[in-house]
Protein backbone atom coordinates (compact mmCIF):
# COMPACT_ATOMS: atom_id res chain seq x y z
CA MET A 1 0.46 6.16 -36.14
CA ASN A 2 -0.80 9.71 -36.59
CA ALA A 3 1.14 12.94 -36.24
CA ASN A 4 0.48 13.00 -32.48
CA SER A 5 1.81 9.48 -31.91
CA PRO A 6 4.95 8.91 -29.80
CA GLU A 7 6.97 8.11 -32.92
CA ALA A 8 6.40 11.66 -34.18
CA THR A 9 8.31 13.17 -31.26
CA PRO A 10 12.04 13.66 -31.84
CA GLY A 11 14.47 12.73 -29.13
CA PRO A 12 18.02 11.62 -28.58
CA GLU A 13 18.88 8.16 -29.87
CA ARG A 14 21.10 5.83 -27.89
CA THR A 15 22.93 2.87 -29.37
CA ALA A 16 24.15 -0.32 -27.82
CA PRO A 17 25.48 -3.62 -29.18
CA ASP A 18 22.12 -5.32 -28.64
CA ALA A 19 19.94 -2.24 -29.14
CA ALA A 20 17.64 -3.95 -31.62
CA ALA A 21 16.75 -6.67 -29.16
CA ALA A 22 16.62 -4.58 -25.96
CA PRO A 23 13.01 -4.06 -24.80
CA GLY A 24 13.77 -0.67 -23.24
CA ARG A 25 12.37 1.00 -20.17
CA ILE A 26 9.08 2.69 -19.20
CA VAL A 27 8.98 5.19 -16.33
CA LEU A 28 5.54 6.19 -15.04
CA LEU A 29 6.04 9.60 -13.44
CA THR A 30 3.46 10.53 -10.80
CA THR A 31 3.00 13.92 -9.15
CA SER A 32 0.87 15.31 -6.35
CA HIS A 33 -1.53 18.14 -7.11
CA ARG A 34 -0.96 19.32 -3.52
CA VAL A 35 2.62 20.31 -4.36
CA ALA A 36 3.38 23.36 -6.50
CA PRO A 37 4.02 22.39 -10.16
CA GLY A 38 7.68 22.29 -11.09
CA LEU A 39 8.84 21.17 -7.64
CA LEU A 40 9.99 17.70 -8.62
CA SER A 41 12.50 15.34 -7.07
CA TRP A 42 16.04 15.10 -8.44
CA PRO A 43 15.51 11.48 -9.66
CA ALA A 44 12.46 12.72 -11.56
CA TRP A 45 14.34 15.55 -13.27
CA ARG A 46 17.18 13.18 -14.12
CA ALA A 47 14.78 10.63 -15.64
CA LEU A 48 13.09 13.36 -17.68
CA HIS A 49 16.34 14.73 -19.08
CA GLU A 50 17.78 11.30 -19.86
CA ALA A 51 14.61 9.91 -21.52
CA ASP A 52 14.41 9.29 -25.25
CA ARG A 53 10.71 10.20 -25.23
CA VAL A 54 8.48 12.05 -22.74
CA LEU A 55 4.74 11.56 -23.18
CA CYS A 56 1.67 13.05 -21.50
CA ALA A 57 -1.95 12.35 -22.37
CA ASP A 58 -3.24 15.60 -20.82
CA GLY A 59 -2.29 18.74 -22.67
CA THR A 60 -3.42 20.85 -19.71
CA HIS A 61 -1.30 18.98 -17.16
CA PRO A 62 0.06 21.64 -14.74
CA GLN A 63 3.60 20.25 -14.99
CA LEU A 64 3.94 20.72 -18.76
CA PRO A 65 4.89 24.43 -18.80
CA TYR A 66 7.66 23.79 -16.28
CA LEU A 67 8.98 20.77 -18.14
CA ARG A 68 9.13 22.72 -21.39
CA GLU A 69 10.78 25.64 -19.62
CA ALA A 70 13.47 23.17 -18.53
CA GLY A 71 14.05 22.23 -22.17
CA ILE A 72 12.20 18.91 -22.15
CA THR A 73 10.18 18.04 -25.25
CA VAL A 74 6.82 16.55 -24.27
CA ALA A 75 4.50 14.83 -26.73
CA GLU A 76 0.83 15.29 -25.91
CA THR A 77 -0.35 11.79 -26.76
CA SER A 78 -2.09 8.82 -25.21
CA PRO A 79 -0.48 5.65 -26.60
CA THR A 80 -1.84 2.18 -26.17
CA ALA A 81 0.25 -0.37 -24.29
CA GLN A 82 1.45 -1.96 -27.53
CA GLU A 83 2.34 1.41 -29.05
CA LEU A 84 4.36 2.22 -25.95
CA LEU A 85 6.25 -1.04 -26.27
CA ASP A 86 6.99 -0.20 -29.89
CA VAL A 87 8.47 3.15 -28.87
CA CYS A 88 10.66 1.43 -26.26
CA ALA A 89 11.97 -1.12 -28.76
CA GLY A 90 15.68 -0.84 -29.35
CA GLY A 91 16.51 -0.02 -25.74
CA HIS A 92 14.78 3.36 -25.57
CA THR A 93 13.56 4.93 -22.32
CA VAL A 94 10.10 6.49 -22.31
CA VAL A 95 8.78 8.62 -19.46
CA VAL A 96 5.01 8.87 -19.16
CA VAL A 97 3.84 11.87 -17.11
CA ALA A 98 0.78 10.42 -15.40
CA THR A 99 -2.48 12.29 -15.11
CA GLY A 100 -4.48 12.47 -11.89
CA GLU A 101 -6.02 9.04 -12.45
CA GLY A 102 -2.59 7.38 -12.82
CA GLU A 103 -3.17 6.11 -16.41
CA PRO A 104 -5.18 2.96 -15.52
CA PRO A 105 -5.95 1.99 -19.17
CA LEU A 106 -2.24 2.07 -19.98
CA THR A 107 -1.10 0.18 -16.88
CA GLU A 108 -3.86 -2.41 -17.30
CA GLY A 109 -2.85 -2.91 -20.95
CA LEU A 110 0.79 -3.38 -19.94
CA ALA A 111 -0.28 -5.91 -17.31
CA ARG A 112 -2.22 -7.89 -19.94
CA LEU A 113 0.75 -7.95 -22.28
CA ALA A 114 3.07 -9.03 -19.48
CA GLY A 115 0.64 -11.77 -18.45
CA SER A 116 0.43 -13.15 -21.97
CA GLY A 117 4.02 -14.38 -21.82
CA ARG A 118 4.41 -13.69 -25.55
CA VAL A 119 5.98 -10.24 -25.32
CA ALA A 120 9.44 -9.17 -24.19
CA MET A 121 8.44 -6.51 -21.67
CA PRO A 122 10.52 -3.40 -21.04
CA GLU A 123 11.66 -2.53 -17.55
CA LEU A 124 8.79 -0.84 -15.71
CA GLU A 125 9.34 1.78 -13.00
CA LEU A 126 6.91 3.84 -10.95
CA LEU A 127 8.67 7.07 -10.00
CA PRO A 128 6.96 9.50 -7.61
CA ALA A 129 8.17 12.93 -8.72
CA SER A 130 6.41 14.66 -5.84
CA TYR A 131 4.40 13.30 -2.96
CA ASP A 132 2.21 14.51 -0.14
CA LEU A 133 3.73 15.69 3.11
CA PRO A 134 1.87 15.13 6.41
CA GLY A 135 -1.13 17.44 6.52
CA ALA A 136 -1.38 17.78 2.76
CA ARG A 137 -5.01 16.65 2.72
CA LEU A 138 -5.87 19.77 4.69
CA LEU A 139 -5.36 21.65 1.43
CA ASP A 140 -8.15 19.57 -0.10
CA LEU A 141 -10.44 20.51 2.79
CA VAL A 142 -9.74 24.21 2.28
CA GLN A 143 -10.47 23.94 -1.45
CA VAL A 144 -13.70 21.98 -0.88
CA MET A 145 -14.83 24.52 1.71
CA ASP A 146 -14.13 27.38 -0.71
CA ARG A 147 -16.38 25.78 -3.33
CA ILE A 148 -19.15 24.93 -0.87
CA ARG A 149 -19.15 28.47 0.49
CA ALA A 150 -19.45 29.84 -3.04
CA GLU A 151 -22.00 27.41 -4.50
CA CYS A 152 -24.11 25.88 -1.71
CA PRO A 153 -27.33 27.86 -0.98
CA TRP A 154 -27.21 26.94 2.72
CA SER A 155 -23.48 27.27 3.40
CA SER A 156 -23.18 30.57 1.53
CA ARG A 157 -25.60 32.21 4.00
CA GLN A 158 -24.07 31.01 7.26
CA THR A 159 -22.52 33.34 9.83
CA HIS A 160 -20.28 32.88 12.85
CA GLU A 161 -23.28 33.38 15.12
CA GLY A 162 -25.43 30.89 13.25
CA LEU A 163 -22.75 28.20 13.33
CA ALA A 164 -21.83 28.65 17.01
CA LYS A 165 -24.25 25.98 18.25
CA TYR A 166 -22.79 23.40 15.87
CA GLY A 167 -19.33 23.97 17.28
CA ILE A 168 -20.64 23.17 20.76
CA GLU A 169 -22.51 20.10 19.54
CA GLU A 170 -19.52 18.73 17.64
CA ALA A 171 -17.24 19.26 20.65
CA TYR A 172 -19.63 17.27 22.86
CA GLU A 173 -19.83 14.49 20.28
CA LEU A 174 -16.03 14.37 20.16
CA VAL A 175 -15.87 14.03 23.95
CA GLU A 176 -18.46 11.24 23.82
CA ALA A 177 -16.45 9.34 21.20
CA ILE A 178 -13.35 9.62 23.39
CA GLU A 179 -15.17 8.41 26.50
CA GLU A 180 -16.79 5.55 24.61
CA GLY A 181 -13.41 4.46 23.24
CA ASP A 182 -14.74 4.26 19.68
CA ARG A 183 -11.80 5.09 17.42
CA ASP A 184 -13.80 5.06 14.20
CA GLU A 185 -16.24 7.51 15.73
CA LEU A 186 -13.31 9.52 17.11
CA ARG A 187 -11.85 9.96 13.63
CA GLU A 188 -15.19 11.12 12.25
CA GLU A 189 -15.86 13.54 15.10
CA LEU A 190 -12.38 15.03 14.81
CA GLY A 191 -13.22 15.72 11.17
CA ASP A 192 -16.48 17.41 12.17
CA VAL A 193 -14.66 19.65 14.66
CA LEU A 194 -12.03 20.46 12.02
CA LEU A 195 -14.81 21.38 9.61
CA GLN A 196 -16.09 23.97 12.08
CA VAL A 197 -12.65 25.58 12.24
CA VAL A 198 -12.27 25.70 8.46
CA PHE A 199 -15.86 26.91 7.98
CA HIS A 200 -15.46 29.81 10.42
CA ALA A 201 -12.11 30.74 8.90
CA ARG A 202 -13.66 30.76 5.42
CA ILE A 203 -16.42 33.07 6.58
CA ALA A 204 -13.84 35.32 8.24
CA GLU A 205 -12.04 35.73 4.90
CA GLU A 206 -14.96 37.86 3.73
CA GLY A 207 -14.67 40.25 6.66
CA ARG A 208 -17.39 42.60 7.80
CA PRO A 209 -16.76 46.01 6.27
CA GLU A 210 -19.86 47.42 7.91
CA ASP A 211 -18.47 46.49 11.34
CA GLY A 212 -14.91 47.49 10.52
CA ALA A 213 -13.81 43.87 10.95
CA GLU A 214 -10.62 42.92 9.12
CA PRO A 215 -10.75 39.62 7.21
CA PHE A 216 -8.49 36.72 8.10
CA SER A 217 -7.95 33.27 6.59
CA ILE A 218 -7.24 29.72 7.69
CA ASP A 219 -3.54 30.49 7.13
CA ASP A 220 -3.78 33.31 9.66
CA VAL A 221 -5.45 30.92 12.12
CA ALA A 222 -2.77 28.28 11.61
CA GLY A 223 0.03 30.85 11.74
CA GLY A 224 -1.31 32.21 15.01
CA ILE A 225 -1.44 28.85 16.76
CA VAL A 226 2.01 27.90 15.42
CA ALA A 227 3.49 31.09 16.85
CA LYS A 228 1.71 30.50 20.16
CA LEU A 229 2.93 26.90 20.45
CA ILE A 230 6.53 27.90 19.73
CA TYR A 231 6.39 30.76 22.23
CA ARG A 232 4.88 28.62 24.97
CA HIS A 233 7.34 25.75 24.48
CA PRO A 234 10.71 27.38 25.14
CA HIS A 235 11.97 23.99 26.37
CA VAL A 236 11.41 22.63 22.83
CA PHE A 237 12.18 25.60 20.57
CA GLY A 238 14.41 27.63 22.89
CA ASP A 239 17.08 27.32 25.56
CA ALA A 240 14.80 26.52 28.51
CA THR A 241 14.73 23.04 30.03
CA ALA A 242 11.82 20.96 31.30
CA ASP A 243 12.15 17.33 32.35
CA THR A 244 8.71 16.74 33.89
CA PRO A 245 5.09 17.52 32.93
CA GLU A 246 4.92 19.85 35.93
CA GLU A 247 7.85 21.90 34.66
CA VAL A 248 6.25 22.06 31.22
CA LYS A 249 3.04 23.40 32.76
CA GLU A 250 5.02 26.03 34.67
CA HIS A 251 6.60 27.21 31.41
CA TRP A 252 3.18 27.33 29.78
CA LEU A 253 1.56 29.33 32.57
CA ARG A 254 4.49 31.73 32.87
CA THR A 255 4.67 32.52 29.16
CA LYS A 256 0.87 32.75 28.98
CA ALA A 257 0.81 35.27 31.85
CA VAL A 258 3.37 37.46 30.07
CA GLU A 259 1.47 37.12 26.80
CA LYS A 260 -2.01 37.88 28.14
CA GLN A 261 -1.08 40.55 30.72
CA ARG A 262 -4.13 39.65 32.81
CA THR A 263 -4.97 41.34 36.09
CA SER A 264 -7.02 38.45 37.52
CA ILE A 265 -6.67 34.68 37.43
CA THR A 266 -10.35 34.52 36.47
CA GLU A 267 -9.79 36.28 33.15
CA GLY A 268 -10.16 34.05 30.13
CA ILE A 269 -12.50 31.57 31.82
CA PRO A 270 -15.69 31.31 29.73
CA LEU A 271 -18.71 31.61 32.03
CA GLY A 272 -20.97 29.94 29.47
CA GLN A 273 -19.42 26.49 29.91
CA PRO A 274 -21.19 23.77 31.93
CA GLY A 275 -21.41 24.57 35.64
CA LEU A 276 -19.26 21.75 36.97
CA ALA A 277 -16.54 22.48 34.43
CA LEU A 278 -16.69 26.18 35.30
CA ALA A 279 -16.35 25.48 39.03
CA ALA A 280 -13.45 23.09 38.42
CA LYS A 281 -11.67 25.61 36.19
CA LEU A 282 -11.95 28.33 38.83
CA ALA A 283 -10.63 25.92 41.47
CA SER A 284 -7.74 24.96 39.18
CA ARG A 285 -6.75 28.61 38.72
CA VAL A 286 -6.85 29.18 42.49
CA ARG A 287 -4.74 26.09 43.20
CA THR A 288 -2.21 26.87 40.47
CA ALA A 289 -1.81 30.42 41.80
CA HIS A 290 -1.20 28.98 45.31
CA LEU A 291 -4.02 31.03 46.77
CA GLU A 292 -6.10 30.14 49.82
CA ILE A 293 -9.62 31.28 49.03
CA PRO A 294 -12.49 29.74 51.01
CA LEU A 295 -15.67 28.78 49.24
CA PRO A 296 -18.43 31.40 49.49
CA PRO A 297 -20.92 30.70 52.23
CA GLY A 298 -24.35 29.62 51.14
CA GLU A 299 -26.90 26.86 51.24
CA GLY A 300 -28.59 24.87 48.56
CA ILE A 301 -27.73 22.40 45.84
CA GLY A 302 -25.66 24.93 43.88
CA TYR A 303 -23.21 25.45 46.73
CA GLU A 304 -23.09 21.70 47.39
CA LEU A 305 -22.24 21.06 43.73
CA LEU A 306 -19.62 23.82 43.86
CA ALA A 307 -17.96 22.13 46.84
CA LEU A 308 -18.04 18.76 45.09
CA ALA A 309 -16.51 20.23 41.92
CA VAL A 310 -13.70 21.89 43.89
CA ARG A 311 -13.07 18.64 45.74
CA ALA A 312 -12.96 16.67 42.48
CA GLU A 313 -10.48 19.11 40.93
CA SER A 314 -8.21 18.90 43.99
CA GLU A 315 -8.21 15.10 43.62
CA GLY A 316 -7.39 15.24 39.92
CA VAL A 317 -10.88 14.21 38.79
CA ASP A 318 -12.82 15.92 36.01
CA PRO A 319 -16.24 16.44 37.60
CA GLU A 320 -17.98 16.66 34.22
CA ALA A 321 -16.48 13.36 33.06
CA ALA A 322 -17.24 11.74 36.41
CA LEU A 323 -20.88 12.85 36.27
CA ARG A 324 -21.23 11.67 32.67
CA ALA A 325 -19.87 8.26 33.63
CA ALA A 326 -22.36 8.04 36.49
CA ALA A 327 -25.14 9.21 34.16
CA ARG A 328 -24.28 6.47 31.67
CA ALA A 329 -24.53 3.91 34.46
CA TYR A 330 -27.91 5.41 35.37
CA ARG A 331 -29.00 5.17 31.74
CA ASP A 332 -28.05 1.50 31.64
CA ALA A 333 -30.01 0.86 34.84
CA ILE A 334 -33.05 2.54 33.29
CA ARG A 335 -32.77 0.36 30.20
CA ASP A 336 -32.46 -2.75 32.34
CA ALA A 337 -35.56 -1.78 34.25
CA GLU A 338 -37.44 -1.08 31.03
CA GLY A 339 -36.38 -4.43 29.57
């Protein structure tokens, strides 16, 4: 072996009565790039400190500076499966700090040796030193969006105003996937809606100095909604109690009213939404506020649709969803007639 081989790395020697015959132990240490380097589990640190040899094929591995700071000698080498067995001979323990690919050539070589039946194999252990928490893949999305914004000729020129129509389109496609009951499509459309959020947040990081607009990031967006959810759920994060969905809604509306300080129940209702949804939202606000407000007098289809939307809302029916369902039935009838 050359100077960079595992044998060239000094380490503590352990003796046992049958040390010469003991095949030893190999620990494949895996880490997640989504967790800050150096934040390893206690079993991982213990294995590293107790090992006779610690090897890593990647000299730029982000964990190496932290391992060395902890006093662990790491050999930057990529042994073959047979070389690794030779290092383990005599009952030694070798920890291999895996690269991002998980060392497939090494693990495949060990599998071939084990399958041959001619080699006394050391004990093999896969030890996750750090692993992803729920939501960790969102970090990947943020990093990918950063690169796309910087390097893609189309994405680098987009603005909030230019992307607005895509947000509407993706929201409608999400609703369609839900109503169709297609879970594969639902997963994809949720990703498309999430992309819009991350894209707008990435653009907002750059700010608009000419307009005096302060920049904000996806962390500011997430932090804002986290604070809002905690504030509006005092029955979960505080001392309030709520045993029914109706009581939960009362908490939500009460905390929202204090938060927004609105002077009219119509504030915050976007007038650009579809007409039936707009009418139903207004009716919902009136009903929730326990107000008795008659419908405005008037004739024509618009007033008839308004009355139908208010009636649907009072009966717990989403008029937009109901009309879409009827429209789908109409579409099927058209196709039948065409066929």
